[in-house]
Amino acid sequence: MEKTFKVLPPTMPNFVRFEKSVGLRQDGFQKDEGFDIANFTKEEAQDFAELMYRTFMEHWEKRKLKIGQK
């Protein structure tokens, strides 16, 4: 039996998360904070795309090792 399927592109973020210093406890947990990608310059967008690529490849390599060890 043979099956074929079309791979869908991953969901793209509209906002990126960023590192920030620890706030005051009374400020609470701010889970929806982010920076809108529409505010990136073209160079910043390319840098972020490269970060996404590197992050995926690192994840893929770790996953291959993990699955290969079973």
PDB file of N, CA and C in Angstrom:
ATOM      1  N   MET A   1       0.856  -1.178   0.000  1.00  0.00           N
ATOM      2  CA  MET A   1       0.000   0.000   0.000  1.00  0.00           C
ATOM      3  C   MET A   1       0.898   1.236   0.000  1.00  0.00           C
ATOM      4  N   GLU A   2       0.460   2.226  -0.710  1.00  0.00           N
ATOM      5  CA  GLU A   2       1.230   3.455  -0.791  1.00  0.00           C
ATOM      6  C   GLU A   2       0.314   4.628  -0.466  1.00  0.00           C
ATOM      7  N   LYS A   3       0.818   5.519   0.360  1.00  0.00           N
ATOM      8  CA  LYS A   3       0.051   6.721   0.705  1.00  0.00           C
ATOM      9  C   LYS A   3       0.911   7.940   0.421  1.00  0.00           C
ATOM     10  N   THR A   4       0.291   8.973  -0.077  1.00  0.00           N
ATOM     11  CA  THR A   4       0.996  10.234  -0.276  1.00  0.00           C
ATOM     12  C   THR A   4       0.209  11.338   0.429  1.00  0.00           C
ATOM     13  N   PHE A   5       0.905  12.350   0.833  1.00  0.00           N
ATOM     14  CA  PHE A   5       0.245  13.471   1.482  1.00  0.00           C
ATOM     15  C   PHE A   5       1.014  14.749   1.210  1.00  0.00           C
ATOM     16  N   LYS A   6       0.324  15.845   1.306  1.00  0.00           N
ATOM     17  CA  LYS A   6       0.924  17.153   1.100  1.00  0.00           C
ATOM     18  C   LYS A   6       1.247  17.761   2.464  1.00  0.00           C
ATOM     19  N   VAL A   7       2.492  18.111   2.670  1.00  0.00           N
ATOM     20  CA  VAL A   7       2.916  18.716   3.926  1.00  0.00           C
ATOM     21  C   VAL A   7       2.505  20.180   3.922  1.00  0.00           C
ATOM     22  N   LEU A   8       1.831  20.596   4.980  1.00  0.00           N
ATOM     23  CA  LEU A   8       1.408  21.986   5.105  1.00  0.00           C
ATOM     24  C   LEU A   8       2.524  22.808   5.741  1.00  0.00           C
ATOM     25  N   PRO A   9       2.633  24.072   5.384  1.00  0.00           N
ATOM     26  CA  PRO A   9       3.666  24.913   6.010  1.00  0.00           C
ATOM     27  C   PRO A   9       3.336  25.134   7.489  1.00  0.00           C
ATOM     28  N   PRO A  10       4.357  25.363   8.308  1.00  0.00           N
ATOM     29  CA  PRO A  10       4.102  25.596   9.729  1.00  0.00           C
ATOM     30  C   PRO A  10       3.356  26.914   9.949  1.00  0.00           C
ATOM     31  N   THR A  11       2.721  27.011  11.074  1.00  0.00           N
ATOM     32  CA  THR A  11       2.034  28.242  11.440  1.00  0.00           C
ATOM     33  C   THR A  11       3.066  29.322  11.742  1.00  0.00           C
ATOM     34  N   MET A  12       2.918  30.463  11.119  1.00  0.00           N
ATOM     35  CA  MET A  12       3.859  31.556  11.305  1.00  0.00           C
ATOM     36  C   MET A  12       3.371  32.492  12.415  1.00  0.00           C
ATOM     37  N   PRO A  13       4.297  32.976  13.225  1.00  0.00           N
ATOM     38  CA  PRO A  13       3.908  33.877  14.313  1.00  0.00           C
ATOM     39  C   PRO A  13       3.647  35.296  13.813  1.00  0.00           C
ATOM     40  N   ASN A  14       2.701  35.977  14.435  1.00  0.00           N
ATOM     41  CA  ASN A  14       2.484  37.402  14.186  1.00  0.00           C
ATOM     42  C   ASN A  14       3.262  38.239  15.193  1.00  0.00           C
ATOM     43  N   PHE A  15       3.609  37.613  16.296  1.00  0.00           N
ATOM     44  CA  PHE A  15       4.369  38.274  17.358  1.00  0.00           C
ATOM     45  C   PHE A  15       5.524  37.371  17.743  1.00  0.00           C
ATOM     46  N   VAL A  16       6.642  37.966  18.132  1.00  0.00           N
ATOM     47  CA  VAL A  16       7.778  37.198  18.631  1.00  0.00           C
ATOM     48  C   VAL A  16       7.944  37.475  20.115  1.00  0.00           C
ATOM     49  N   ARG A  17       8.382  36.440  20.796  1.00  0.00           N
ATOM     50  CA  ARG A  17       8.647  36.594  22.234  1.00  0.00           C
ATOM     51  C   ARG A  17      10.050  37.146  22.403  1.00  0.00           C
ATOM     52  N   PHE A  18      10.292  37.742  23.535  1.00  0.00           N
ATOM     53  CA  PHE A  18      11.615  38.296  23.787  1.00  0.00           C
ATOM     54  C   PHE A  18      11.962  38.149  25.257  1.00  0.00           C
ATOM     55  N   GLU A  19      13.262  38.139  25.525  1.00  0.00           N
ATOM     56  CA  GLU A  19      13.756  38.034  26.875  1.00  0.00           C
ATOM     57  C   GLU A  19      13.559  39.371  27.578  1.00  0.00           C
ATOM     58  N   LYS A  20      13.129  39.314  28.798  1.00  0.00           N
ATOM     59  CA  LYS A  20      13.019  40.547  29.569  1.00  0.00           C
ATOM     60  C   LYS A  20      13.323  40.267  31.024  1.00  0.00           C
ATOM     61  N   SER A  21      13.690  41.291  31.715  1.00  0.00           N
ATOM     62  CA  SER A  21      14.049  41.117  33.118  1.00  0.00           C
ATOM     63  C   SER A  21      12.813  40.757  33.942  1.00  0.00           C
ATOM     64  N   VAL A  22      13.065  40.154  35.068  1.00  0.00           N
ATOM     65  CA  VAL A  22      11.988  39.747  35.956  1.00  0.00           C
ATOM     66  C   VAL A  22      11.297  40.991  36.507  1.00  0.00           C
ATOM     67  N   GLY A  23       9.978  40.982  36.449  1.00  0.00           N
ATOM     68  CA  GLY A  23       9.208  42.116  36.956  1.00  0.00           C
ATOM     69  C   GLY A  23       8.807  41.927  38.412  1.00  0.00           C
ATOM     70  N   LEU A  24       8.000  42.839  38.871  1.00  0.00           N
ATOM     71  CA  LEU A  24       7.504  42.756  40.237  1.00  0.00           C
ATOM     72  C   LEU A  24       6.423  41.685  40.340  1.00  0.00           C
ATOM     73  N   ARG A  25       6.350  41.052  41.463  1.00  0.00           N
ATOM     74  CA  ARG A  25       5.373  39.992  41.672  1.00  0.00           C
ATOM     75  C   ARG A  25       3.944  40.499  41.495  1.00  0.00           C
ATOM     76  N   GLN A  26       3.676  41.714  41.958  1.00  0.00           N
ATOM     77  CA  GLN A  26       2.313  42.248  41.872  1.00  0.00           C
ATOM     78  C   GLN A  26       1.887  42.577  40.430  1.00  0.00           C
ATOM     79  N   ASP A  27       2.846  42.593  39.506  1.00  0.00           N
ATOM     80  CA  ASP A  27       2.507  42.830  38.110  1.00  0.00           C
ATOM     81  C   ASP A  27       1.878  41.599  37.463  1.00  0.00           C
ATOM     82  N   GLY A  28       2.053  40.441  38.082  1.00  0.00           N
ATOM     83  CA  GLY A  28       1.447  39.214  37.568  1.00  0.00           C
ATOM     84  C   GLY A  28       2.200  38.648  36.381  1.00  0.00           C
ATOM     85  N   PHE A  29       1.659  37.566  35.858  1.00  0.00           N
ATOM     86  CA  PHE A  29       2.262  36.866  34.723  1.00  0.00           C
ATOM     87  C   PHE A  29       1.698  37.432  33.438  1.00  0.00           C
ATOM     88  N   GLN A  30       2.567  37.926  32.567  1.00  0.00           N
ATOM     89  CA  GLN A  30       2.153  38.532  31.296  1.00  0.00           C
ATOM     90  C   GLN A  30       2.476  37.563  30.162  1.00  0.00           C
ATOM     91  N   LYS A  31       1.536  36.676  29.831  1.00  0.00           N
ATOM     92  CA  LYS A  31       1.826  35.662  28.820  1.00  0.00           C
ATOM     93  C   LYS A  31       1.660  36.168  27.397  1.00  0.00           C
ATOM     94  N   ASP A  32       0.917  37.236  27.181  1.00  0.00           N
ATOM     95  CA  ASP A  32       0.623  37.690  25.821  1.00  0.00           C
ATOM     96  C   ASP A  32       1.525  38.814  25.341  1.00  0.00           C
ATOM     97  N   GLU A  33       2.634  39.036  26.019  1.00  0.00           N
ATOM     98  CA  GLU A  33       3.534  40.082  25.570  1.00  0.00           C
ATOM     99  C   GLU A  33       4.341  39.595  24.381  1.00  0.00           C
ATOM    100  N   GLY A  34       4.587  40.474  23.449  1.00  0.00           N
ATOM    101  CA  GLY A  34       5.386  40.121  22.289  1.00  0.00           C
ATOM    102  C   GLY A  34       5.613  41.346  21.430  1.00  0.00           C
ATOM    103  N   PHE A  35       6.403  41.152  20.390  1.00  0.00           N
ATOM    104  CA  PHE A  35       6.741  42.237  19.472  1.00  0.00           C
ATOM    105  C   PHE A  35       6.160  41.881  18.115  1.00  0.00           C
ATOM    106  N   ASP A  36       5.362  42.768  17.547  1.00  0.00           N
ATOM    107  CA  ASP A  36       4.697  42.511  16.272  1.00  0.00           C
ATOM    108  C   ASP A  36       5.731  42.442  15.152  1.00  0.00           C
ATOM    109  N   ILE A  37       5.707  41.357  14.377  1.00  0.00           N
ATOM    110  CA  ILE A  37       6.678  41.194  13.295  1.00  0.00           C
ATOM    111  C   ILE A  37       6.521  42.253  12.209  1.00  0.00           C
ATOM    112  N   ALA A  38       5.359  42.897  12.150  1.00  0.00           N
ATOM    113  CA  ALA A  38       5.152  43.953  11.159  1.00  0.00           C
ATOM    114  C   ALA A  38       6.097  45.132  11.410  1.00  0.00           C
ATOM    115  N   ASN A  39       6.629  45.213  12.616  1.00  0.00           N
ATOM    116  CA  ASN A  39       7.551  46.299  12.956  1.00  0.00           C
ATOM    117  C   ASN A  39       9.011  45.956  12.664  1.00  0.00           C
ATOM    118  N   PHE A  40       9.286  44.756  12.167  1.00  0.00           N
ATOM    119  CA  PHE A  40      10.642  44.384  11.781  1.00  0.00           C
ATOM    120  C   PHE A  40      11.051  45.123  10.513  1.00  0.00           C
ATOM    121  N   THR A  41      12.326  45.445  10.417  1.00  0.00           N
ATOM    122  CA  THR A  41      12.875  45.876   9.135  1.00  0.00           C
ATOM    123  C   THR A  41      13.096  44.606   8.310  1.00  0.00           C
ATOM    124  N   LYS A  42      13.403  44.742   7.038  1.00  0.00           N
ATOM    125  CA  LYS A  42      13.657  43.564   6.208  1.00  0.00           C
ATOM    126  C   LYS A  42      14.841  42.775   6.759  1.00  0.00           C
ATOM    127  N   GLU A  43      15.877  43.477   7.187  1.00  0.00           N
ATOM    128  CA  GLU A  43      17.057  42.806   7.749  1.00  0.00           C
ATOM    129  C   GLU A  43      16.703  42.054   9.027  1.00  0.00           C
ATOM    130  N   GLU A  44      15.904  42.665   9.888  1.00  0.00           N
ATOM    131  CA  GLU A  44      15.483  41.995  11.121  1.00  0.00           C
ATOM    132  C   GLU A  44      14.634  40.762  10.806  1.00  0.00           C
ATOM    133  N   ALA A  45      13.778  40.871   9.804  1.00  0.00           N
ATOM    134  CA  ALA A  45      12.949  39.728   9.409  1.00  0.00           C
ATOM    135  C   ALA A  45      13.831  38.590   8.890  1.00  0.00           C
ATOM    136  N   GLN A  46      14.852  38.919   8.117  1.00  0.00           N
ATOM    137  CA  GLN A  46      15.763  37.894   7.613  1.00  0.00           C
ATOM    138  C   GLN A  46      16.548  37.255   8.758  1.00  0.00           C
ATOM    139  N   ASP A  47      16.971  38.066   9.722  1.00  0.00           N
ATOM    140  CA  ASP A  47      17.674  37.532  10.894  1.00  0.00           C
ATOM    141  C   ASP A  47      16.769  36.585  11.678  1.00  0.00           C
ATOM    142  N   PHE A  48      15.498  36.957  11.835  1.00  0.00           N
ATOM    143  CA  PHE A  48      14.566  36.105  12.566  1.00  0.00           C
ATOM    144  C   PHE A  48      14.310  34.816  11.795  1.00  0.00           C
ATOM    145  N   ALA A  49      14.209  34.905  10.482  1.00  0.00           N
ATOM    146  CA  ALA A  49      14.016  33.706   9.654  1.00  0.00           C
ATOM    147  C   ALA A  49      15.206  32.761   9.808  1.00  0.00           C
ATOM    148  N   GLU A  50      16.402  33.321   9.868  1.00  0.00           N
ATOM    149  CA  GLU A  50      17.598  32.499  10.067  1.00  0.00           C
ATOM    150  C   GLU A  50      17.571  31.839  11.450  1.00  0.00           C
ATOM    151  N   LEU A  51      17.125  32.566  12.455  1.00  0.00           N
ATOM    152  CA  LEU A  51      16.987  31.999  13.801  1.00  0.00           C
ATOM    153  C   LEU A  51      15.989  30.842  13.791  1.00  0.00           C
ATOM    154  N   MET A  52      14.869  31.015  13.092  1.00  0.00           N
ATOM    155  CA  MET A  52      13.871  29.940  12.996  1.00  0.00           C
ATOM    156  C   MET A  52      14.484  28.717  12.308  1.00  0.00           C
ATOM    157  N   TYR A  53      15.248  28.933  11.252  1.00  0.00           N
ATOM    158  CA  TYR A  53      15.893  27.837  10.533  1.00  0.00           C
ATOM    159  C   TYR A  53      16.859  27.081  11.440  1.00  0.00           C
ATOM    160  N   ARG A  54      17.754  27.820  12.097  1.00  0.00           N
ATOM    161  CA  ARG A  54      18.742  27.182  12.978  1.00  0.00           C
ATOM    162  C   ARG A  54      18.057  26.424  14.110  1.00  0.00           C
ATOM    163  N   THR A  55      17.019  27.032  14.694  1.00  0.00           N
ATOM    164  CA  THR A  55      16.295  26.400  15.788  1.00  0.00           C
ATOM    165  C   THR A  55      15.634  25.105  15.334  1.00  0.00           C
ATOM    166  N   PHE A  56      15.010  25.120  14.150  1.00  0.00           N
ATOM    167  CA  PHE A  56      14.383  23.910  13.637  1.00  0.00           C
ATOM    168  C   PHE A  56      15.419  22.818  13.385  1.00  0.00           C
ATOM    169  N   MET A  57      16.540  23.165  12.778  1.00  0.00           N
ATOM    170  CA  MET A  57      17.559  22.171  12.467  1.00  0.00           C
ATOM    171  C   MET A  57      18.139  21.558  13.739  1.00  0.00           C
ATOM    172  N   GLU A  58      18.348  22.356  14.776  1.00  0.00           N
ATOM    173  CA  GLU A  58      18.816  21.827  16.057  1.00  0.00           C
ATOM    174  C   GLU A  58      17.778  20.872  16.647  1.00  0.00           C
ATOM    175  N   HIS A  59      16.515  21.250  16.574  1.00  0.00           N
ATOM    176  CA  HIS A  59      15.429  20.415  17.065  1.00  0.00           C
ATOM    177  C   HIS A  59      15.384  19.095  16.289  1.00  0.00           C
ATOM    178  N   TRP A  60      15.513  19.169  14.984  1.00  0.00           N
ATOM    179  CA  TRP A  60      15.486  17.991  14.127  1.00  0.00           C
ATOM    180  C   TRP A  60      16.633  17.033  14.471  1.00  0.00           C
ATOM    181  N   GLU A  61      17.838  17.603  14.652  1.00  0.00           N
ATOM    182  CA  GLU A  61      18.986  16.761  14.986  1.00  0.00           C
ATOM    183  C   GLU A  61      18.784  16.046  16.313  1.00  0.00           C
ATOM    184  N   LYS A  62      18.271  16.752  17.315  1.00  0.00           N
ATOM    185  CA  LYS A  62      18.005  16.137  18.623  1.00  0.00           C
ATOM    186  C   LYS A  62      16.930  15.067  18.507  1.00  0.00           C
ATOM    187  N   ARG A  63      15.926  15.323  17.710  1.00  0.00           N
ATOM    188  CA  ARG A  63      14.829  14.361  17.524  1.00  0.00           C
ATOM    189  C   ARG A  63      15.338  13.092  16.848  1.00  0.00           C
ATOM    190  N   LYS A  64      16.185  13.252  15.828  1.00  0.00           N
ATOM    191  CA  LYS A  64      16.747  12.083  15.146  1.00  0.00           C
ATOM    192  C   LYS A  64      17.553  11.229  16.121  1.00  0.00           C
ATOM    193  N   LEU A  65      18.331  11.860  16.981  1.00  0.00           N
ATOM    194  CA  LEU A  65      19.113  11.117  17.971  1.00  0.00           C
ATOM    195  C   LEU A  65      18.200  10.390  18.952  1.00  0.00           C
ATOM    196  N   LYS A  66      17.164  11.074  19.391  1.00  0.00           N
ATOM    197  CA  LYS A  66      16.249  10.492  20.363  1.00  0.00           C
ATOM    198  C   LYS A  66      15.532   9.280  19.772  1.00  0.00           C
ATOM    199  N   ILE A  67      15.020   9.409  18.568  1.00  0.00           N
ATOM    200  CA  ILE A  67      14.292   8.317  17.916  1.00  0.00           C
ATOM    201  C   ILE A  67      15.258   7.167  17.592  1.00  0.00           C
ATOM    202  N   GLY A  68      16.468   7.508  17.205  1.00  0.00           N
ATOM    203  CA  GLY A  68      17.454   6.485  16.854  1.00  0.00           C
ATOM    204  C   GLY A  68      17.879   5.642  18.037  1.00  0.00           C
ATOM    205  N   GLN A  69      17.699   6.141  19.253  1.00  0.00           N
ATOM    206  CA  GLN A  69      18.123   5.426  20.445  1.00  0.00           C
ATOM    207  C   GLN A  69      17.093   4.406  20.921  1.00  0.00           C
ATOM    208  N   LYS A  70      15.906   4.407  20.353  1.00  0.00           N
ATOM    209  CA  LYS A  70      14.865   3.470  20.803  1.00  0.00           C
ATOM    210  C   LYS A  70      15.159   2.067  20.337  1.00  0.00           C
TER     211      LYS A  70
END
